[in-house]
Amino acid sequence: MDTKLRIEPVVINGKTLETPIMVSGPCSAETEEQVIKTGHMIADMGIPIFRAGIWKPRTRPGNFEGLGAVALPWLEKLKKETDLLIASEVANTYHIKEALNHGVDILWIGARTTANPFAVQELADYLSGKDIPVFVKNPINPDIDLWIGALERFNKAGLNKLVAIHRGFSFYGPSNYRNKPQWGIPIELKRRFPELPVITDPSHICGRRDLLQGVCQKALDLNFDGLFIESHIDPENALSDKEQQVTPAELKKMLDSLVWRKSQVNGLEILKDLEDYRTEIDRLDDKIIHTIETRMKVVEKIGEYKLQNGITILQSDRWADILKGRTELGKKLGLSEEFVTIILKAIHQESINKQTKIMNRE
């Protein structure tokens, strides 16, 4: 379903939030000293937005679920002492009411909430008519339409200062990441809504501080619009997610070491070189499409043969041989097994679709 989002620049107190949008602070507000000390160090780095969890949705009861509204005055105090904007997660109307009463500037919607359209609609209805930025994390499952649906619900309630947060997706099986980044999903979101800022939360993608820099650099290289990073003055003793938080000093060192590339091409010579490469890419893409079209004609001939001779569409042994042989060839040519497998599965599925039409025609 085609849709458009009405997106306005994020303007708070007369100031426009510029890219890269940088957000940092602890996973949870634990003590007044921790909030104030961390916040001042974040502010000294020039990061404009301080984040802190007040209410923490934990997977299992008994884990630290945040201090609740008792911590909000600490954020108010930090805001008065610095130029920081304050962001916090909300999951119900009580959270929103308390956050707004204590001067929170930006609300963010967590992954578990985004996955529940009923909860999102309730929040959107409550916020209708209010002029506040809302940052929406992707749902825990890799469902771009569910993510877009949450953004649409806020947008239809009149909230146009929206930012999407890419925090990775839950998965089953071994991985270096706490949540797999699945970069293709936020890239597709950017393609559909180029006016929507999309920032990356490397902390929740990685789950480990030693992986943060690589994911941050990848996000910047992909031209995402900012970073949402957890920082704590004493990560080893944090009450939640201690493995993925870094000290403000470590954060500064990491940010200083990142390569901040330009998204716009300047210079006629550079532009000409890029256009030459792009023209060659376009030519090769056309060739790939025509080759696949030729392959599908052969697939249709096979489908006719199978129909005439009573043979099933799927030949499991043949498909296993194709998958094994082509992925081995791809590896020899420097292509990842995952990439070749995705392409082959897509082609195979289209082949099945075409032969199914032949088999079932009247």
Protein backbone atom coordinates (compact mmCIF):
# COMPACT_ATOMS: atom_id res chain seq x y z
CA MET A 1 0.00 0.00 0.00
CA ASP A 2 1.47 3.32 -1.09
CA THR A 3 1.52 5.94 1.63
CA LYS A 4 3.18 9.22 2.42
CA LEU A 5 4.35 10.60 5.73
CA ARG A 6 4.12 14.28 6.52
CA ILE A 7 7.52 14.94 8.03
CA GLU A 8 8.63 18.31 9.39
CA PRO A 9 12.08 19.31 10.68
CA VAL A 10 12.47 18.61 14.38
CA VAL A 11 12.34 22.08 15.94
CA ILE A 12 12.53 22.35 19.73
CA ASN A 13 12.54 25.69 21.53
CA GLY A 14 13.15 27.47 18.24
CA LYS A 15 16.20 25.33 17.39
CA THR A 16 16.22 22.91 14.46
CA LEU A 17 17.75 19.53 15.21
CA GLU A 18 20.40 19.05 12.53
CA THR A 19 21.95 15.86 11.23
CA PRO A 20 23.78 13.93 12.35
CA ILE A 21 21.28 13.55 15.19
CA MET A 22 23.37 12.47 18.17
CA VAL A 23 21.78 11.02 21.31
CA SER A 24 23.53 9.53 24.32
CA GLY A 25 23.04 8.74 27.98
CA PRO A 26 22.57 5.75 30.28
CA CYS A 27 20.27 2.83 29.65
CA SER A 28 18.53 3.68 32.94
CA ALA A 29 18.43 6.66 35.27
CA GLU A 30 19.73 5.07 38.47
CA THR A 31 20.77 7.90 40.80
CA GLU A 32 20.74 11.68 40.67
CA GLU A 33 24.54 11.75 40.74
CA GLN A 34 24.77 9.30 37.83
CA VAL A 35 22.32 11.32 35.71
CA ILE A 36 23.87 14.71 36.41
CA LYS A 37 27.48 13.60 36.07
CA THR A 38 26.89 11.61 32.87
CA GLY A 39 24.76 14.40 31.42
CA HIS A 40 27.38 17.10 31.94
CA MET A 41 30.03 14.95 30.26
CA ILE A 42 27.67 14.29 27.33
CA ALA A 43 26.97 18.03 27.05
CA ASP A 44 30.69 18.84 27.11
CA MET A 45 31.10 16.63 24.02
CA GLY A 46 28.60 18.75 22.12
CA ILE A 47 26.00 15.98 21.93
CA PRO A 48 22.64 17.80 22.00
CA ILE A 49 20.30 15.08 23.31
CA PHE A 50 20.51 13.17 26.59
CA ARG A 51 18.64 9.87 26.79
CA ALA A 52 17.74 7.93 29.91
CA GLY A 53 15.29 5.13 30.61
CA ILE A 54 12.81 5.91 33.38
CA TRP A 55 10.52 2.93 32.84
CA LYS A 56 12.36 -0.12 31.53
CA PRO A 57 10.50 -3.01 29.87
CA ARG A 58 12.40 -6.09 30.96
CA THR A 59 11.97 -9.50 29.40
CA ARG A 60 11.50 -11.20 32.76
CA PRO A 61 10.12 -9.89 36.07
CA GLY A 62 12.61 -9.30 38.82
CA ASN A 63 15.13 -7.51 36.62
CA PHE A 64 15.64 -3.78 37.14
CA GLU A 65 12.64 -2.09 35.52
CA GLY A 66 13.65 1.53 36.17
CA LEU A 67 12.88 3.83 39.07
CA GLY A 68 9.85 5.38 37.44
CA ALA A 69 8.67 8.96 37.92
CA VAL A 70 10.94 9.48 40.93
CA ALA A 71 13.85 9.90 38.49
CA LEU A 72 12.20 12.55 36.31
CA PRO A 73 13.20 15.52 38.55
CA TRP A 74 16.84 14.55 37.96
CA LEU A 75 16.32 14.99 34.23
CA GLU A 76 14.66 18.35 34.89
CA LYS A 77 17.64 19.44 36.94
CA LEU A 78 20.09 18.33 34.25
CA LYS A 79 18.10 20.25 31.65
CA LYS A 80 18.32 23.44 33.74
CA GLU A 81 22.06 23.06 34.24
CA THR A 82 22.89 22.40 30.58
CA ASP A 83 21.63 23.06 27.05
CA LEU A 84 20.73 19.39 26.67
CA LEU A 85 17.43 18.21 25.27
CA ILE A 86 15.95 15.32 27.25
CA ALA A 87 14.61 12.11 25.68
CA SER A 88 12.95 9.20 27.42
CA GLU A 89 10.99 6.07 26.52
CA VAL A 90 7.23 5.91 27.08
CA ALA A 91 4.94 2.90 26.78
CA ASN A 92 1.58 4.13 28.12
CA THR A 93 -0.36 7.33 28.68
CA TYR A 94 0.76 7.61 32.31
CA HIS A 95 4.38 7.63 31.16
CA ILE A 96 3.61 10.38 28.63
CA LYS A 97 1.77 12.52 31.18
CA GLU A 98 4.60 12.29 33.73
CA ALA A 99 7.32 12.85 31.12
CA LEU A 100 5.64 15.97 29.71
CA ASN A 101 4.94 17.33 33.18
CA HIS A 102 8.68 17.15 33.87
CA GLY A 103 9.81 18.86 30.67
CA VAL A 104 10.93 15.86 28.61
CA ASP A 105 11.58 17.22 25.09
CA ILE A 106 11.53 14.01 23.04
CA LEU A 107 9.58 10.81 23.52
CA TRP A 108 10.81 7.53 22.11
CA ILE A 109 8.76 4.42 21.52
CA GLY A 110 10.49 1.14 22.32
CA ALA A 111 10.65 -1.93 20.10
CA ARG A 112 8.18 -3.93 22.19
CA THR A 113 5.62 -1.12 22.05
CA THR A 114 6.07 -0.56 18.31
CA ALA A 115 5.17 -4.22 17.79
CA ASN A 116 1.71 -3.65 19.35
CA PRO A 117 -0.61 -1.57 17.12
CA PHE A 118 -3.19 -1.23 19.93
CA ALA A 119 -0.57 0.29 22.25
CA VAL A 120 0.77 2.59 19.53
CA GLN A 121 -2.72 3.82 18.66
CA GLU A 122 -3.45 4.59 22.31
CA LEU A 123 -0.26 6.64 22.57
CA ALA A 124 -0.94 8.42 19.28
CA ASP A 125 -4.48 9.32 20.37
CA TYR A 126 -3.22 10.68 23.68
CA LEU A 127 -0.56 12.80 21.93
CA SER A 128 -2.95 14.17 19.32
CA GLY A 129 -2.67 17.95 19.22
CA LYS A 130 0.62 18.03 21.13
CA ASP A 131 3.73 19.44 19.48
CA ILE A 132 6.48 17.03 20.50
CA PRO A 133 8.99 14.96 18.54
CA VAL A 134 8.49 11.19 18.64
CA PHE A 135 11.32 8.77 17.88
CA VAL A 136 10.03 5.32 16.89
CA LYS A 137 12.21 2.23 17.26
CA ASN A 138 11.75 -0.66 14.87
CA PRO A 139 9.61 -3.55 16.18
CA ILE A 140 11.44 -6.50 17.66
CA ASN A 141 10.53 -8.68 14.67
CA PRO A 142 11.80 -7.84 11.16
CA ASP A 143 8.53 -6.40 9.83
CA ILE A 144 8.94 -3.11 7.95
CA ASP A 145 5.18 -2.66 7.55
CA LEU A 146 4.70 -2.86 11.31
CA TRP A 147 7.37 -0.17 11.73
CA ILE A 148 5.75 2.01 9.05
CA GLY A 149 2.34 1.39 10.62
CA ALA A 150 3.52 2.83 13.94
CA LEU A 151 4.92 5.91 12.18
CA GLU A 152 1.65 6.32 10.28
CA ARG A 153 -0.43 6.14 13.46
CA PHE A 154 1.52 9.01 15.03
CA ASN A 155 1.48 10.93 11.77
CA LYS A 156 -2.30 10.62 11.42
CA ALA A 157 -2.62 11.99 14.96
CA GLY A 158 -0.89 15.16 13.77
CA LEU A 159 2.62 14.34 14.93
CA ASN A 160 4.94 15.33 12.09
CA LYS A 161 8.28 15.57 13.94
CA LEU A 162 9.11 11.91 13.57
CA VAL A 163 12.43 10.06 13.61
CA ALA A 164 12.90 6.31 13.11
CA ILE A 165 15.41 4.42 15.27
CA HIS A 166 17.02 1.30 13.83
CA ARG A 167 17.94 -0.94 16.79
CA GLY A 168 18.17 -4.33 15.09
CA PHE A 169 15.81 -7.30 15.11
CA SER A 170 15.33 -10.37 17.28
CA PHE A 171 16.41 -13.69 15.81
CA TYR A 172 16.89 -17.31 16.80
CA GLY A 173 20.32 -18.85 16.45
CA PRO A 174 23.98 -17.93 16.88
CA SER A 175 25.15 -14.40 16.11
CA ASN A 176 27.74 -11.88 17.26
CA TYR A 177 24.93 -9.39 17.73
CA ARG A 178 22.29 -9.04 20.40
CA ASN A 179 19.87 -7.99 17.65
CA LYS A 180 20.72 -8.56 14.00
CA PRO A 181 21.01 -5.25 12.17
CA GLN A 182 19.40 -6.50 8.94
CA TRP A 183 20.48 -3.27 7.26
CA GLY A 184 18.23 -3.90 4.27
CA ILE A 185 15.12 -3.06 6.31
CA PRO A 186 16.09 0.48 7.41
CA ILE A 187 17.58 1.07 3.95
CA GLU A 188 14.19 0.21 2.44
CA LEU A 189 12.52 2.53 4.96
CA LYS A 190 14.80 5.35 3.80
CA ARG A 191 14.01 4.54 0.18
CA ARG A 192 10.27 4.73 0.76
CA PHE A 193 10.43 7.84 2.95
CA PRO A 194 13.55 9.85 2.04
CA GLU A 195 12.34 12.79 4.14
CA LEU A 196 12.19 10.65 7.32
CA PRO A 197 15.36 10.78 9.46
CA VAL A 198 16.59 7.29 10.36
CA ILE A 199 19.17 6.95 13.12
CA THR A 200 20.92 3.81 14.38
CA ASP A 201 21.04 2.44 17.93
CA PRO A 202 24.30 0.44 17.91
CA SER A 203 24.02 -0.34 21.62
CA HIS A 204 20.99 -2.58 21.20
CA ILE A 205 22.25 -4.03 17.93
CA CYS A 206 25.59 -5.04 19.44
CA GLY A 207 24.83 -5.89 23.06
CA ARG A 208 28.62 -5.63 23.52
CA ARG A 209 30.69 -2.48 23.69
CA ASP A 210 33.56 -3.98 21.67
CA LEU A 211 31.33 -4.15 18.57
CA LEU A 212 29.99 -0.61 18.78
CA GLN A 213 32.54 1.18 16.64
CA GLY A 214 32.09 -1.12 13.65
CA VAL A 215 28.30 -0.75 13.68
CA CYS A 216 28.55 3.03 14.14
CA GLN A 217 30.87 3.26 11.14
CA LYS A 218 28.59 1.06 9.05
CA ALA A 219 25.62 3.30 9.87
CA LEU A 220 27.56 6.41 8.86
CA ASP A 221 28.84 4.76 5.68
CA LEU A 222 25.23 3.92 4.76
CA ASN A 223 24.30 7.60 5.22
CA PHE A 224 22.03 7.10 8.21
CA ASP A 225 21.08 10.31 9.98
CA GLY A 226 22.61 9.85 13.41
CA LEU A 227 23.46 7.61 16.36
CA PHE A 228 21.62 6.68 19.56
CA ILE A 229 24.27 5.36 21.97
CA GLU A 230 24.16 4.32 25.61
CA SER A 231 26.77 5.90 27.90
CA HIS A 232 27.19 5.48 31.66
CA ILE A 233 29.80 6.83 34.08
CA ASP A 234 30.29 3.34 35.54
CA PRO A 235 29.07 0.71 33.03
CA GLU A 236 30.41 -2.26 34.97
CA ASN A 237 28.04 -1.46 37.83
CA ALA A 238 25.05 -0.40 35.71
CA LEU A 239 21.72 -1.84 36.80
CA SER A 240 20.71 -2.73 33.24
CA ASP A 241 22.52 -3.60 29.98
CA LYS A 242 25.98 -3.03 31.44
CA GLU A 243 27.75 -4.99 28.66
CA GLN A 244 26.70 -2.57 25.92
CA GLN A 245 27.32 0.78 27.65
CA VAL A 246 30.50 2.85 27.43
CA THR A 247 31.83 5.64 29.59
CA PRO A 248 31.57 9.18 28.21
CA ALA A 249 35.35 9.20 27.77
CA GLU A 250 35.21 5.97 25.75
CA LEU A 251 32.32 7.38 23.74
CA LYS A 252 34.30 10.51 22.85
CA LYS A 253 37.30 8.46 21.79
CA MET A 254 35.10 6.26 19.61
CA LEU A 255 33.28 9.18 17.98
CA ASP A 256 36.58 10.95 17.29
CA SER A 257 37.89 7.84 15.52
CA LEU A 258 34.87 7.45 13.20
CA VAL A 259 35.14 8.53 9.58
CA TRP A 260 32.37 11.02 8.82
CA ARG A 261 31.90 10.83 5.07
CA LYS A 262 30.04 13.32 2.90
CA SER A 263 26.73 12.32 1.37
CA GLN A 264 26.79 14.89 -1.44
CA VAL A 265 29.18 14.73 -4.38
CA ASN A 266 31.12 17.93 -5.03
CA GLY A 267 33.44 18.56 -7.94
CA LEU A 268 32.83 17.96 -11.63
CA GLU A 269 35.67 15.44 -12.00
CA ILE A 270 34.44 13.28 -9.12
CA LEU A 271 30.87 13.49 -10.37
CA LYS A 272 31.96 12.48 -13.90
CA ASP A 273 33.89 9.46 -12.59
CA LEU A 274 30.91 8.35 -10.51
CA GLU A 275 28.56 8.75 -13.46
CA ASP A 276 30.84 6.57 -15.59
CA TYR A 277 30.77 3.84 -12.96
CA ARG A 278 27.01 4.19 -12.53
CA THR A 279 26.46 3.92 -16.28
CA GLU A 280 28.41 0.66 -16.28
CA ILE A 281 26.36 -0.59 -13.30
CA ASP A 282 23.12 0.27 -15.12
CA ARG A 283 24.30 -1.63 -18.20
CA LEU A 284 25.16 -4.70 -16.13
CA ASP A 285 21.86 -4.53 -14.23
CA ASP A 286 19.98 -4.50 -17.53
CA LYS A 287 21.99 -7.50 -18.65
CA ILE A 288 21.19 -9.37 -15.43
CA ILE A 289 17.44 -8.73 -15.83
CA HIS A 290 17.46 -9.86 -19.47
CA THR A 291 19.44 -12.98 -18.53
CA ILE A 292 16.93 -13.85 -15.81
CA GLU A 293 14.09 -13.29 -18.29
CA THR A 294 15.77 -15.72 -20.71
CA ARG A 295 16.18 -18.21 -17.89
CA MET A 296 12.48 -17.96 -17.05
CA LYS A 297 11.57 -18.84 -20.63
CA VAL A 298 13.55 -22.05 -20.21
CA VAL A 299 11.76 -22.62 -16.88
CA GLU A 300 8.42 -22.36 -18.68
CA LYS A 301 9.53 -24.96 -21.23
CA ILE A 302 10.48 -27.25 -18.36
CA GLY A 303 7.07 -26.61 -16.81
CA GLU A 304 5.36 -27.67 -20.05
CA TYR A 305 7.48 -30.82 -20.15
CA LYS A 306 6.65 -31.68 -16.54
CA LEU A 307 2.94 -31.12 -17.22
CA GLN A 308 2.98 -33.45 -20.22
CA ASN A 309 4.86 -36.17 -18.35
CA GLY A 310 3.21 -35.95 -14.94
CA ILE A 311 6.35 -34.77 -13.12
CA THR A 312 6.22 -32.72 -9.90
CA ILE A 313 7.34 -29.09 -9.95
CA LEU A 314 9.83 -29.39 -7.11
CA GLN A 315 12.79 -31.72 -7.62
CA SER A 316 14.51 -31.55 -4.24
CA ASP A 317 17.76 -33.23 -5.29
CA ARG A 318 18.12 -30.93 -8.30
CA TRP A 319 17.47 -27.83 -6.14
CA ALA A 320 20.03 -28.98 -3.55
CA ASP A 321 22.63 -29.46 -6.31
CA ILE A 322 21.96 -25.99 -7.73
CA LEU A 323 22.24 -24.36 -4.32
CA LYS A 324 25.45 -26.17 -3.45
CA GLY A 325 27.13 -25.67 -6.82
CA ARG A 326 26.25 -22.00 -7.27
CA THR A 327 27.21 -20.98 -3.72
CA GLU A 328 30.58 -22.70 -4.12
CA LEU A 329 31.11 -20.86 -7.40
CA GLY A 330 30.08 -17.60 -5.75
CA LYS A 331 32.62 -18.07 -2.96
CA LYS A 332 35.38 -18.67 -5.51
CA LEU A 333 34.39 -15.39 -7.17
CA GLY A 334 34.45 -13.44 -3.92
CA LEU A 335 30.68 -13.40 -3.27
CA SER A 336 29.31 -14.23 0.17
CA GLU A 337 27.33 -17.44 0.58
CA GLU A 338 24.47 -15.48 2.17
CA PHE A 339 24.22 -13.14 -0.83
CA VAL A 340 24.27 -15.91 -3.44
CA THR A 341 21.75 -17.95 -1.45
CA ILE A 342 19.30 -15.05 -1.25
CA ILE A 343 19.48 -14.51 -5.03
CA LEU A 344 19.12 -18.20 -5.83
CA LYS A 345 16.15 -18.63 -3.51
CA ALA A 346 14.38 -15.66 -5.10
CA ILE A 347 14.98 -17.02 -8.61
CA HIS A 348 13.92 -20.50 -7.54
CA GLN A 349 10.69 -19.19 -6.02
CA GLU A 350 9.86 -17.27 -9.21
CA SER A 351 10.55 -20.45 -11.19
CA ILE A 352 8.12 -22.38 -8.97
CA ASN A 353 5.51 -19.64 -9.40
CA LYS A 354 5.75 -19.81 -13.20
CA GLN A 355 5.58 -23.60 -13.30
CA THR A 356 2.65 -23.59 -10.88
CA LYS A 357 0.67 -21.38 -13.29
CA ILE A 358 1.43 -23.80 -16.10
CA MET A 359 0.44 -26.84 -14.05
CA ASN A 360 -2.86 -25.29 -12.91
CA ARG A 361 -4.05 -23.52 -16.04
CA GLU A 362 -7.49 -24.48 -17.28
